[in-house]
Amino acid sequence: MQESKKIKIKKIFFTVLILAIAAAAYVLFRSAGHGKTRSASQKAQTAALQNSSAAANSNSGSGGGWGDDSGWGNENAEAPTVHISRAKRQLINVSTTAVKVVPLVKTVRTVGVVTYDEDRLATVNTKVAGWIDKLYVDYTGMYVRKGQPLAKIYSPELYATQQEYLNVLKWAGNGGGNKGDTAGSLGINRMLAGDADSMVAAARQRLKLYDIPEREIKRIEATGRPIRDLTIYSPVSGYVVQKDAVAGLKAEPGQTLFNVADLSRVWILADVYEDDLSLVGTGRWADITLGAFPGRVFRARIDYVYPALSGQTRTAKVRFSIPNPRMRLKPQMYSDVLIKCDLGKRLAVPASAVIDTGLRQIVYVDRGGGNFEPRQITTGVKTDTMVEVLSGLKPGDRVATAGTFLIDSESRLEGVTK
């Protein structure tokens, strides 16, 4: 029994010894992994910074620049730094660059849709009720020229108006219907003749308001017979993009019979997110490409920015007007739009230098000797490769641009960054 107890005591002793050796090895490994340990003067300096920060908090009732007790933002205290040894800097490939004032160009990428130029879209209708007797346009998509007949409409109302006009013409030609030659009758004849001229002019104007062409009115006057059918003509040259007229249809005044679009020039409407609206405006150039024409780039300026946002997509429409002489651009084609925004010269750093935590943006300023200071900055416009700096840095400061996430991890492990 005593021998077994001795064996157990020896096992416990060796177990404790092994754990102690492992702990000592871990401490030595941590010291070697973090480079040189901080000197007594550095520790004293850190303690002084913490004490000064605590004193400032107790006197002013407010924290440092980031709302913690690190002393950041205290003008009388030196900002804390994280030390990265040369070996570790080479291992994580740390590189730095100087903060400069550089020209910034932001490219806004979006998509667009080809649509009709609304200035070149015409609706064809009639101003009198009637029935469509004959159609000259048989299908949607047919090309028509300006002045080409589209349909014929029979309108009893229009027929009666023409007959009235002919009756007024006859009455005016007979001197108002009074052929007396007494002094009194001559005065009456002059009055009736004046009334007849006014009635003729009024009846003629009614025919014009019904869209009867001048040549048709002269034909009515020459033949003395009303025209049975009213011919409707195309007001523009273009394609029939909507056709509601069919033979025998009763057309009401104002009812759309045809829509004709002139496609010699088209619009491209693109969506721009509200975050980029301050950068785009009328006159901005854009490169537009379409999948139907690989390698072809259409250059155009923004000629209008629509005043309202879509509630679903949070985007606003911008409009481009593009010549389309060969009618190759078809409505509803999709396009890729690149809007280049020249922002001028601004203080900026490479995008890789900025760590965005969601609450703040941090860069690591190179203080020399492997020491990096975490500094909060305020950012502005972001391009593909650069970020504008509004505050927190000045020209000539050097910031880490590669290995920043590993520097940030080391800073958090040492408690420099919270």
Protein backbone atom coordinates (compact mmCIF):
# COMPACT_ATOMS: atom_id res chain seq x y z
CA MET A 1 0.00 0.00 0.00
CA GLN A 2 2.77 2.46 0.87
CA GLU A 3 4.56 1.70 -2.44
CA SER A 4 1.40 2.42 -4.45
CA LYS A 5 0.96 5.73 -2.62
CA LYS A 6 4.53 6.66 -3.45
CA ILE A 7 3.91 5.87 -7.13
CA LYS A 8 0.82 8.10 -7.19
CA ILE A 9 2.74 10.95 -5.55
CA LYS A 10 5.50 10.64 -8.18
CA LYS A 11 2.91 10.74 -11.00
CA ILE A 12 1.31 13.89 -9.59
CA PHE A 13 4.73 15.52 -9.22
CA PHE A 14 5.73 14.78 -12.82
CA THR A 15 2.34 16.02 -14.11
CA VAL A 16 2.73 19.36 -12.31
CA LEU A 17 6.32 19.64 -13.58
CA ILE A 18 5.22 19.07 -17.21
CA LEU A 19 2.47 21.71 -16.90
CA ALA A 20 4.95 24.22 -15.49
CA ILE A 21 7.39 23.57 -18.35
CA ALA A 22 4.56 23.98 -20.90
CA ALA A 23 3.48 27.28 -19.35
CA ALA A 24 7.03 28.62 -19.42
CA ALA A 25 7.42 27.56 -23.07
CA TYR A 26 4.16 29.34 -23.98
CA VAL A 27 5.33 32.57 -22.32
CA LEU A 28 8.64 32.41 -24.18
CA PHE A 29 6.79 31.76 -27.48
CA ARG A 30 4.49 34.75 -26.96
CA SER A 31 7.45 36.97 -26.19
CA ALA A 32 9.27 35.80 -29.31
CA GLY A 33 6.15 36.11 -31.56
CA HIS A 34 5.53 39.73 -30.63
CA GLY A 35 9.11 40.88 -31.17
CA LYS A 36 10.95 42.64 -28.39
CA THR A 37 9.13 43.22 -25.13
CA ARG A 38 8.34 46.72 -24.25
CA SER A 39 10.99 48.49 -22.22
CA ALA A 40 10.38 49.87 -18.77
CA SER A 41 10.27 53.39 -20.19
CA GLN A 42 7.58 52.37 -22.71
CA LYS A 43 5.52 50.75 -19.94
CA ALA A 44 5.90 53.89 -17.85
CA GLN A 45 4.85 56.02 -20.81
CA THR A 46 1.76 53.86 -21.35
CA ALA A 47 0.86 54.11 -17.67
CA ALA A 48 1.31 57.90 -17.81
CA LEU A 49 -0.97 58.09 -20.85
CA GLN A 50 -3.63 56.08 -19.06
CA ASN A 51 -3.32 58.20 -15.90
CA SER A 52 -3.54 61.46 -17.89
CA SER A 53 -6.58 60.16 -19.73
CA ALA A 54 -8.28 59.18 -16.49
CA ALA A 55 -7.50 62.61 -15.02
CA ALA A 56 -8.91 64.32 -18.12
CA ASN A 57 -12.06 62.21 -17.89
CA SER A 58 -12.57 63.04 -14.21
CA ASN A 59 -12.07 66.77 -14.86
CA SER A 60 -14.12 67.18 -18.05
CA GLY A 61 -16.63 64.37 -17.67
CA SER A 62 -16.03 63.27 -21.27
CA GLY A 63 -13.95 60.49 -22.83
CA GLY A 64 -11.29 60.54 -25.54
CA GLY A 65 -11.77 60.89 -29.26
CA TRP A 66 -13.51 57.52 -29.58
CA GLY A 67 -15.38 57.61 -26.28
CA ASP A 68 -13.05 55.20 -24.43
CA ASP A 69 -10.19 55.56 -21.93
CA SER A 70 -7.34 55.07 -24.38
CA GLY A 71 -6.39 58.75 -24.42
CA TRP A 72 -7.10 59.11 -28.18
CA GLY A 73 -8.16 62.62 -29.12
CA ASN A 74 -6.37 64.15 -26.13
CA GLU A 75 -4.22 66.94 -27.56
CA ASN A 76 -1.77 66.72 -24.65
CA ALA A 77 -1.23 62.96 -24.94
CA GLU A 78 0.70 60.96 -27.50
CA ALA A 79 -1.46 58.52 -29.44
CA PRO A 80 -0.82 54.82 -28.67
CA THR A 81 0.89 52.68 -31.30
CA VAL A 82 1.28 49.03 -32.08
CA HIS A 83 4.80 47.73 -32.76
CA ILE A 84 5.37 45.29 -35.63
CA SER A 85 8.87 43.82 -35.83
CA ARG A 86 10.79 43.89 -39.10
CA ALA A 87 10.55 40.12 -39.48
CA LYS A 88 6.80 40.21 -39.07
CA ARG A 89 6.44 43.19 -41.42
CA GLN A 90 8.27 41.22 -44.09
CA LEU A 91 6.20 38.14 -43.34
CA ILE A 92 2.83 39.90 -43.78
CA ASN A 93 4.16 42.08 -46.61
CA VAL A 94 3.41 45.46 -45.04
CA SER A 95 3.70 48.43 -47.39
CA THR A 96 3.01 52.13 -46.89
CA THR A 97 2.27 55.15 -49.04
CA ALA A 98 2.09 58.90 -48.58
CA VAL A 99 -1.25 60.70 -48.34
CA LYS A 100 -1.59 63.01 -51.37
CA VAL A 101 -3.95 65.39 -53.12
CA VAL A 102 -4.76 63.55 -56.35
CA PRO A 103 -7.34 63.85 -59.16
CA LEU A 104 -10.31 61.59 -58.50
CA VAL A 105 -12.54 60.07 -61.19
CA LYS A 106 -15.49 57.96 -60.08
CA THR A 107 -17.21 55.64 -62.53
CA VAL A 108 -20.90 55.04 -61.84
CA ARG A 109 -21.95 51.69 -63.31
CA THR A 110 -25.60 51.03 -64.04
CA VAL A 111 -27.97 49.53 -66.61
CA GLY A 112 -30.35 51.21 -69.03
CA VAL A 113 -33.22 50.42 -71.36
CA VAL A 114 -33.77 51.74 -74.89
CA THR A 115 -37.15 53.45 -75.27
CA TYR A 116 -39.01 55.77 -77.61
CA ASP A 117 -38.14 59.44 -77.84
CA GLU A 118 -41.37 60.93 -76.47
CA ASP A 119 -40.82 64.07 -78.56
CA ARG A 120 -41.08 61.84 -81.66
CA LEU A 121 -44.10 59.76 -80.61
CA ALA A 122 -47.47 60.69 -82.21
CA THR A 123 -50.98 59.48 -81.40
CA VAL A 124 -53.54 59.30 -84.23
CA ASN A 125 -57.24 59.71 -83.39
CA THR A 126 -60.38 61.36 -84.71
CA LYS A 127 -62.36 64.37 -83.46
CA VAL A 128 -65.74 63.08 -84.66
CA ALA A 129 -67.60 59.84 -84.02
CA GLY A 130 -67.69 57.44 -86.94
CA TRP A 131 -67.09 53.97 -88.30
CA ILE A 132 -63.86 52.72 -89.87
CA ASP A 133 -64.64 51.83 -93.47
CA LYS A 134 -61.14 51.03 -94.71
CA LEU A 135 -57.68 50.42 -93.27
CA TYR A 136 -54.44 51.18 -95.08
CA VAL A 137 -52.28 49.90 -92.18
CA ASP A 138 -52.70 46.17 -91.74
CA TYR A 139 -50.29 45.34 -88.90
CA THR A 140 -48.31 46.73 -85.99
CA GLY A 141 -44.70 47.57 -86.86
CA MET A 142 -45.48 48.83 -90.37
CA TYR A 143 -43.40 51.80 -91.49
CA VAL A 144 -45.39 54.83 -92.68
CA ARG A 145 -44.35 58.21 -94.00
CA LYS A 146 -45.64 61.60 -92.95
CA GLY A 147 -48.89 62.35 -94.83
CA GLN A 148 -49.52 58.70 -95.73
CA PRO A 149 -53.21 57.64 -95.35
CA LEU A 150 -53.88 55.29 -92.45
CA ALA A 151 -57.66 54.75 -92.51
CA LYS A 152 -61.00 56.05 -93.79
CA ILE A 153 -63.86 56.87 -91.43
CA TYR A 154 -67.55 57.41 -92.24
CA SER A 155 -69.13 59.97 -89.92
CA PRO A 156 -72.79 61.04 -90.31
CA GLU A 157 -72.02 64.10 -88.19
CA LEU A 158 -69.22 65.16 -90.47
CA TYR A 159 -71.33 64.47 -93.56
CA ALA A 160 -74.06 66.76 -92.21
CA THR A 161 -71.52 69.50 -91.48
CA GLN A 162 -70.28 69.39 -95.08
CA GLN A 163 -73.84 69.59 -96.41
CA GLU A 164 -74.48 72.59 -94.18
CA TYR A 165 -71.37 74.26 -95.56
CA LEU A 166 -72.56 73.72 -99.14
CA ASN A 167 -76.01 75.18 -98.32
CA VAL A 168 -74.41 78.27 -96.78
CA LEU A 169 -72.25 78.69 -99.89
CA LYS A 170 -75.34 78.57 -102.13
CA TRP A 171 -77.21 81.03 -99.96
CA ALA A 172 -74.23 83.43 -99.92
CA GLY A 173 -73.91 83.10 -103.70
CA ASN A 174 -77.53 84.17 -104.12
CA GLY A 175 -76.94 87.36 -102.16
CA GLY A 176 -78.54 86.07 -99.02
CA GLY A 177 -81.77 85.05 -100.79
CA ASN A 178 -83.16 88.62 -101.42
CA LYS A 179 -83.15 90.01 -104.99
CA GLY A 180 -85.13 93.21 -104.43
CA ASP A 181 -83.69 96.44 -105.79
CA THR A 182 -85.42 99.10 -103.70
CA ALA A 183 -83.41 101.42 -101.52
CA GLY A 184 -84.51 99.59 -98.40
CA SER A 185 -83.92 96.22 -99.89
CA LEU A 186 -80.37 97.17 -100.92
CA GLY A 187 -79.47 97.87 -97.29
CA ILE A 188 -81.01 94.60 -96.22
CA ASN A 189 -79.09 92.79 -98.95
CA ARG A 190 -75.83 94.23 -97.73
CA MET A 191 -76.62 93.10 -94.17
CA LEU A 192 -77.59 89.62 -95.37
CA ALA A 193 -74.46 89.38 -97.50
CA GLY A 194 -72.29 90.24 -94.51
CA ASP A 195 -74.11 87.62 -92.43
CA ALA A 196 -73.71 85.08 -95.21
CA ASP A 197 -69.95 85.66 -95.39
CA SER A 198 -69.70 85.19 -91.63
CA MET A 199 -71.71 81.96 -91.78
CA VAL A 200 -69.55 80.64 -94.63
CA ALA A 201 -66.38 81.39 -92.67
CA ALA A 202 -67.80 79.72 -89.55
CA ALA A 203 -68.88 76.59 -91.45
CA ARG A 204 -65.49 76.38 -93.15
CA GLN A 205 -63.71 76.70 -89.80
CA ARG A 206 -65.76 73.83 -88.37
CA LEU A 207 -64.55 71.59 -91.19
CA LYS A 208 -60.94 72.54 -90.43
CA LEU A 209 -61.44 71.80 -86.75
CA TYR A 210 -62.59 68.31 -87.74
CA ASP A 211 -59.14 67.88 -89.36
CA ILE A 212 -60.41 68.00 -92.95
CA PRO A 213 -57.41 69.16 -95.04
CA GLU A 214 -57.61 72.37 -97.06
CA ARG A 215 -57.42 70.44 -100.34
CA GLU A 216 -60.47 68.40 -99.34
CA ILE A 217 -62.44 71.56 -98.51
CA LYS A 218 -61.61 73.02 -101.91
CA ARG A 219 -62.72 69.75 -103.50
CA ILE A 220 -66.07 70.01 -101.70
CA GLU A 221 -66.48 73.59 -102.94
CA ALA A 222 -65.58 72.62 -106.51
CA THR A 223 -67.80 69.54 -106.79
CA GLY A 224 -70.69 70.81 -104.66
CA ARG A 225 -70.95 67.37 -103.05
CA PRO A 226 -69.93 66.32 -99.51
CA ILE A 227 -67.22 63.71 -99.01
CA ARG A 228 -68.59 60.51 -97.51
CA ASP A 229 -65.39 59.27 -95.80
CA LEU A 230 -62.81 61.20 -93.80
CA THR A 231 -59.25 60.09 -94.56
CA ILE A 232 -56.86 60.00 -91.59
CA TYR A 233 -53.19 60.69 -92.40
CA SER A 234 -49.99 59.96 -90.46
CA PRO A 235 -48.64 63.10 -88.78
CA VAL A 236 -45.02 61.80 -88.73
CA SER A 237 -42.77 59.30 -90.45
CA GLY A 238 -42.09 56.24 -88.34
CA TYR A 239 -43.25 52.83 -87.23
CA VAL A 240 -46.76 51.95 -86.11
CA VAL A 241 -46.08 50.76 -82.56
CA GLN A 242 -49.73 50.48 -81.52
CA LYS A 243 -52.75 49.69 -83.71
CA ASP A 244 -56.21 49.64 -82.15
CA ALA A 245 -58.12 50.37 -85.35
CA VAL A 246 -59.92 47.48 -87.10
CA ALA A 247 -62.36 47.54 -89.98
CA GLY A 248 -65.94 48.23 -88.84
CA LEU A 249 -64.90 49.63 -85.45
CA LYS A 250 -66.91 52.58 -84.18
CA ALA A 251 -64.38 55.25 -83.26
CA GLU A 252 -65.23 57.80 -80.60
CA PRO A 253 -63.74 61.31 -80.48
CA GLY A 254 -60.29 61.20 -78.88
CA GLN A 255 -60.00 57.41 -79.06
CA THR A 256 -56.48 56.24 -79.92
CA LEU A 257 -56.41 54.47 -83.27
CA PHE A 258 -52.64 54.38 -83.93
CA ASN A 259 -49.39 55.30 -82.22
CA VAL A 260 -46.55 56.15 -84.61
CA ALA A 261 -42.94 56.42 -83.36
CA ASP A 262 -40.07 58.06 -85.17
CA LEU A 263 -37.05 55.90 -84.27
CA SER A 264 -34.41 58.04 -85.96
CA ARG A 265 -33.47 59.09 -82.41
CA VAL A 266 -34.12 57.07 -79.23
CA TRP A 267 -33.82 57.52 -75.49
CA ILE A 268 -31.89 55.35 -73.05
CA LEU A 269 -33.19 55.51 -69.48
CA ALA A 270 -30.72 54.39 -66.80
CA ASP A 271 -31.20 53.91 -63.04
CA VAL A 272 -28.81 55.69 -60.67
CA TYR A 273 -28.78 54.94 -56.93
CA GLU A 274 -29.47 57.85 -54.61
CA ASP A 275 -25.93 57.64 -53.15
CA ASP A 276 -24.53 58.58 -56.58
CA LEU A 277 -27.09 61.23 -57.53
CA SER A 278 -24.90 64.05 -56.23
CA LEU A 279 -22.21 63.03 -58.73
CA VAL A 280 -24.31 62.81 -61.90
CA GLY A 281 -26.02 65.67 -63.67
CA THR A 282 -26.90 67.01 -67.08
CA GLY A 283 -23.89 67.17 -69.34
CA ARG A 284 -22.03 64.19 -67.84
CA TRP A 285 -20.57 61.90 -70.49
CA ALA A 286 -21.25 58.17 -70.44
CA ASP A 287 -20.12 55.10 -72.39
CA ILE A 288 -23.05 52.89 -73.38
CA THR A 289 -22.71 49.32 -74.65
CA LEU A 290 -25.34 46.83 -75.74
CA GLY A 291 -25.16 43.06 -75.91
CA ALA A 292 -26.52 43.15 -79.47
CA PHE A 293 -23.41 45.05 -80.66
CA PRO A 294 -20.27 43.61 -78.98
CA GLY A 295 -17.35 46.02 -79.01
CA ARG A 296 -19.48 49.00 -80.07
CA VAL A 297 -19.49 51.95 -77.64
CA PHE A 298 -22.10 54.71 -77.87
CA ARG A 299 -21.02 58.03 -76.35
CA ALA A 300 -23.76 60.27 -75.00
CA ARG A 301 -24.40 63.04 -72.49
CA ILE A 302 -27.05 63.04 -69.78
CA ASP A 303 -29.71 65.43 -71.01
CA TYR A 304 -32.18 65.07 -68.12
CA VAL A 305 -32.28 63.76 -64.53
CA TYR A 306 -35.79 62.84 -63.45
CA PRO A 307 -36.99 64.54 -60.24
CA ALA A 308 -38.42 61.53 -58.36
CA LEU A 309 -36.99 58.33 -56.87
CA SER A 310 -38.48 54.86 -57.13
CA GLY A 311 -39.67 53.72 -53.73
CA GLN A 312 -38.80 50.08 -54.46
CA THR A 313 -35.32 50.40 -55.97
CA ARG A 314 -34.25 53.75 -54.41
CA THR A 315 -33.02 54.89 -57.82
CA ALA A 316 -33.69 57.87 -60.07
CA LYS A 317 -33.87 57.82 -63.86
CA VAL A 318 -31.34 59.64 -66.01
CA ARG A 319 -31.91 60.08 -69.74
CA PHE A 320 -29.64 59.89 -72.78
CA SER A 321 -30.68 60.81 -76.32
CA ILE A 322 -28.89 58.86 -79.07
CA PRO A 323 -29.13 59.10 -82.88
CA ASN A 324 -30.40 55.92 -84.51
CA PRO A 325 -30.01 56.45 -88.26
CA ARG A 326 -30.04 52.76 -89.24
CA MET A 327 -32.79 51.86 -86.76
CA ARG A 328 -30.48 49.30 -85.13
CA LEU A 329 -31.39 50.30 -81.59
CA LYS A 330 -34.72 48.71 -80.73
CA PRO A 331 -36.98 49.78 -77.86
CA GLN A 332 -36.64 47.56 -74.74
CA MET A 333 -33.00 46.61 -75.51
CA TYR A 334 -30.86 46.47 -72.36
CA SER A 335 -27.59 48.36 -72.11
CA ASP A 336 -24.63 48.79 -69.74
CA VAL A 337 -23.94 52.42 -68.82
CA LEU A 338 -20.66 53.79 -67.42
CA ILE A 339 -20.92 57.41 -66.25
CA LYS A 340 -17.51 58.98 -65.66
CA CYS A 341 -17.56 61.68 -62.96
CA ASP A 342 -14.47 63.93 -62.78
CA LEU A 343 -14.31 65.11 -59.15
CA GLY A 344 -11.20 67.28 -59.42
CA LYS A 345 -8.23 67.11 -57.03
CA ARG A 346 -8.93 65.88 -53.49
CA LEU A 347 -7.00 64.50 -50.50
CA ALA A 348 -7.22 60.73 -50.79
CA VAL A 349 -5.70 57.40 -49.75
CA PRO A 350 -5.81 53.99 -51.45
CA ALA A 351 -8.98 52.05 -50.65
CA SER A 352 -6.86 49.19 -49.22
CA ALA A 353 -5.62 51.51 -46.45
CA VAL A 354 -9.07 52.03 -44.89
CA ILE A 355 -10.61 49.54 -42.49
CA ASP A 356 -14.36 50.08 -42.20
CA THR A 357 -15.70 48.70 -38.92
CA GLY A 358 -19.24 49.77 -39.65
CA LEU A 359 -19.11 52.48 -36.98
CA ARG A 360 -15.89 54.21 -38.00
CA GLN A 361 -13.12 54.19 -40.60
CA ILE A 362 -9.56 53.48 -39.42
CA VAL A 363 -6.15 53.83 -41.06
CA TYR A 364 -2.78 52.88 -39.59
CA VAL A 365 -0.29 55.75 -39.75
CA ASP A 366 3.38 54.77 -39.98
CA ARG A 367 5.22 56.50 -37.11
CA GLY A 368 8.59 54.93 -37.96
CA GLY A 369 10.57 52.11 -36.40
CA GLY A 370 7.79 49.59 -36.97
CA ASN A 371 5.26 51.60 -34.92
CA PHE A 372 1.77 52.14 -36.39
CA GLU A 373 -0.84 54.49 -34.96
CA PRO A 374 -4.51 53.57 -35.48
CA ARG A 375 -6.32 56.75 -36.47
CA GLN A 376 -9.97 57.41 -37.11
CA ILE A 377 -10.74 59.38 -40.28
CA THR A 378 -13.80 60.81 -41.99
CA THR A 379 -14.20 59.62 -45.56
CA GLY A 380 -15.97 61.14 -48.55
CA VAL A 381 -16.33 59.88 -52.09
CA LYS A 382 -15.12 56.34 -52.81
CA THR A 383 -13.80 55.38 -56.25
CA ASP A 384 -12.68 51.96 -57.45
CA THR A 385 -9.16 52.41 -56.00
CA MET A 386 -9.15 55.57 -53.84
CA VAL A 387 -11.06 57.02 -50.88
CA GLU A 388 -11.42 60.74 -50.24
CA VAL A 389 -10.29 61.88 -46.77
CA LEU A 390 -12.29 64.74 -45.26
CA SER A 391 -10.55 64.80 -41.86
CA GLY A 392 -8.03 62.87 -39.79
CA LEU A 393 -5.05 63.00 -42.16
CA LYS A 394 -2.93 65.63 -43.87
CA PRO A 395 -0.73 65.54 -46.97
CA GLY A 396 2.56 63.78 -46.30
CA ASP A 397 1.28 61.34 -43.66
CA ARG A 398 2.22 57.75 -44.45
CA VAL A 399 -0.38 55.02 -44.05
CA ALA A 400 -0.24 51.24 -44.37
CA THR A 401 -1.78 50.02 -47.62
CA ALA A 402 -1.00 46.29 -47.44
CA GLY A 403 -1.18 43.97 -44.44
CA THR A 404 -3.60 46.38 -42.74
CA PHE A 405 -5.93 43.67 -41.47
CA LEU A 406 -3.05 41.80 -39.82
CA ILE A 407 -1.81 45.05 -38.26
CA ASP A 408 -5.35 45.67 -37.02
CA SER A 409 -5.52 42.16 -35.53
CA GLU A 410 -2.22 42.70 -33.71
CA SER A 411 -3.42 46.07 -32.45
CA ARG A 412 -6.57 44.51 -31.01
CA LEU A 413 -4.63 41.66 -29.39
CA GLU A 414 -2.43 44.20 -27.59
CA GLY A 415 -5.45 46.30 -26.60
CA VAL A 416 -4.34 49.37 -28.57
CA THR A 417 -7.50 49.38 -30.69
CA LYS A 418 -10.84 48.63 -29.11
